[in-house]
Protein backbone atom coordinates (compact mmCIF):
# COMPACT_ATOMS: atom_id res chain seq x y z
CA MET A 1 -27.39 -13.40 -14.13
CA SER A 2 -28.45 -16.73 -15.53
CA GLU A 3 -27.72 -20.14 -13.89
CA THR A 4 -25.20 -20.97 -16.45
CA SER A 5 -23.27 -17.55 -16.49
CA THR A 6 -20.27 -16.55 -14.34
CA SER A 7 -19.34 -13.42 -12.59
CA ALA A 8 -16.13 -11.53 -13.61
CA VAL A 9 -14.58 -12.87 -10.20
CA THR A 10 -14.75 -16.49 -9.44
CA THR A 11 -13.17 -18.65 -6.68
CA HIS A 12 -12.54 -21.97 -5.56
CA VAL A 13 -11.71 -23.09 -1.99
CA LEU A 14 -9.62 -26.45 -1.20
CA ASP A 15 -9.10 -27.68 2.28
CA SER A 16 -5.80 -28.85 2.22
CA SER A 17 -5.77 -30.42 5.61
CA ARG A 18 -8.65 -32.76 4.44
CA GLY A 19 -7.73 -33.07 0.59
CA LEU A 20 -10.98 -32.02 -0.27
CA PRO A 21 -13.20 -29.12 -1.41
CA ALA A 22 -14.24 -26.78 1.17
CA ALA A 23 -18.05 -26.53 0.85
CA GLY A 24 -20.30 -24.16 2.66
CA VAL A 25 -17.83 -21.34 2.96
CA ALA A 26 -19.48 -17.97 2.73
CA VAL A 27 -17.64 -15.49 0.23
CA THR A 28 -18.15 -11.69 -0.04
CA LEU A 29 -16.94 -9.46 -2.81
CA GLU A 30 -16.44 -5.94 -2.44
CA GLN A 31 -14.82 -3.06 -4.60
CA ALA A 32 -12.65 -0.11 -3.05
CA SER A 33 -13.97 3.32 -3.12
CA GLY A 34 -11.53 5.74 -1.69
CA GLN A 35 -11.52 4.65 2.17
CA THR A 36 -14.76 2.57 1.95
CA TRP A 37 -15.56 -0.74 0.40
CA ASN A 38 -18.91 -1.08 -1.64
CA HIS A 39 -20.57 -4.72 -1.44
CA LEU A 40 -20.95 -6.37 -5.03
CA GLY A 41 -22.01 -9.79 -3.95
CA ASP A 42 -22.06 -12.64 -1.64
CA SER A 43 -22.38 -16.44 -2.13
CA VAL A 44 -21.52 -19.69 -0.57
CA THR A 45 -18.99 -22.41 -2.14
CA ASN A 46 -20.89 -25.47 -3.48
CA GLU A 47 -20.15 -29.11 -2.88
CA ASP A 48 -17.12 -28.59 -5.23
CA GLY A 49 -15.78 -25.65 -3.18
CA ARG A 50 -16.65 -23.39 -6.32
CA VAL A 51 -18.47 -20.10 -6.67
CA ARG A 52 -19.14 -19.20 -9.93
CA ARG A 53 -21.60 -16.24 -9.52
CA LEU A 54 -20.43 -13.66 -7.12
CA GLY A 55 -21.26 -10.15 -7.99
CA PRO A 56 -21.57 -8.77 -11.74
CA SER A 57 -20.46 -10.31 -14.88
CA ARG A 58 -18.23 -7.22 -15.74
CA LEU A 59 -16.26 -5.25 -13.24
CA SER A 60 -14.46 -2.03 -13.96
CA GLU A 61 -10.50 -1.53 -13.44
CA GLY A 62 -9.95 -1.16 -9.67
CA THR A 63 -9.16 -2.85 -6.45
CA TYR A 64 -11.56 -5.36 -4.77
CA ARG A 65 -11.46 -7.94 -2.16
CA LEU A 66 -12.67 -11.39 -1.20
CA THR A 67 -13.49 -12.17 2.47
CA PHE A 68 -13.93 -15.83 3.09
CA GLU A 69 -15.73 -16.81 6.49
CA THR A 70 -13.12 -19.43 7.25
CA GLY A 71 -13.53 -19.34 11.16
CA ALA A 72 -17.16 -20.61 10.46
CA TYR A 73 -16.29 -23.25 8.03
CA PHE A 74 -14.05 -24.95 10.47
CA ARG A 75 -16.22 -24.52 13.34
CA GLU A 76 -18.73 -26.33 11.42
CA LEU A 77 -16.34 -29.17 11.05
CA GLY A 78 -15.65 -29.30 14.86
CA VAL A 79 -11.83 -28.07 14.10
CA ASP A 80 -9.88 -25.55 16.03
CA SER A 81 -8.57 -22.78 13.51
CA PHE A 82 -6.48 -19.63 13.64
CA TYR A 83 -7.99 -17.26 10.96
CA PRO A 84 -11.51 -16.24 11.56
CA GLN A 85 -11.50 -14.88 7.88
CA VAL A 86 -9.26 -14.60 5.06
CA GLN A 87 -9.58 -11.55 2.98
CA ILE A 88 -7.52 -11.39 -0.32
CA THR A 89 -7.09 -8.04 -1.89
CA PHE A 90 -6.60 -7.91 -5.55
CA ARG A 91 -6.41 -5.41 -8.47
CA ILE A 92 -8.50 -5.66 -11.62
CA ALA A 93 -6.31 -4.34 -14.60
CA ASP A 94 -8.32 -5.31 -17.63
CA ALA A 95 -11.86 -5.24 -17.38
CA GLU A 96 -12.35 -7.55 -20.25
CA GLN A 97 -10.64 -10.35 -18.38
CA HIS A 98 -12.10 -13.03 -16.09
CA TYR A 99 -10.31 -13.06 -12.55
CA HIS A 100 -10.38 -16.55 -10.82
CA VAL A 101 -8.93 -16.31 -7.22
CA PRO A 102 -8.56 -19.59 -5.60
CA LEU A 103 -7.65 -20.24 -1.93
CA LEU A 104 -5.96 -23.19 -0.59
CA LEU A 105 -6.98 -23.57 3.30
CA SER A 106 -6.07 -25.27 6.33
CA PRO A 107 -6.78 -24.39 10.01
CA PHE A 108 -3.59 -22.58 10.58
CA ALA A 109 -2.25 -21.38 7.22
CA TYR A 110 -3.59 -20.28 3.63
CA SER A 111 -2.32 -19.46 0.11
CA THR A 112 -3.76 -17.98 -3.03
CA TYR A 113 -3.18 -17.51 -6.33
CA ARG A 114 -4.52 -15.89 -9.58
CA GLY A 115 -6.04 -18.84 -11.44
CA SER A 116 -7.67 -19.26 -14.85
C-alpha cells in the first residue's frame, strides 16, 4: 500500500482526559473466521492519533475487530488505567464502503462510533 492510500478500515484515537489525540497507541485489525481471528494488520497511531494504513485497502463482508493497547499507552504517560485493552468488534456489510472506527478514550472509560 502506498504512503498516500488508506486501508478499508481506519481509526482515530482521542484521549478525552487530556483533550489531545492519543499518539503511540498500538492497534491490530483481525477478521473472524469461525471461532478464530485472522490477523490482517497492525499499526501505531500517529501524532494526530490516526491510523490510515491498517490492513488491506479492500475487505470482504464479515466480522472484524480492532484491538487498542490502551494500558501501554497510559503506562507511558504514568497514568493508572482500568482497561489494558479495548476491543471493538464490528461488521462490514458493504465491501465497497470505507469504515472509520474512532475511539474516545480516558483512563476509566471509552466510547466509539462509526465515523466517516
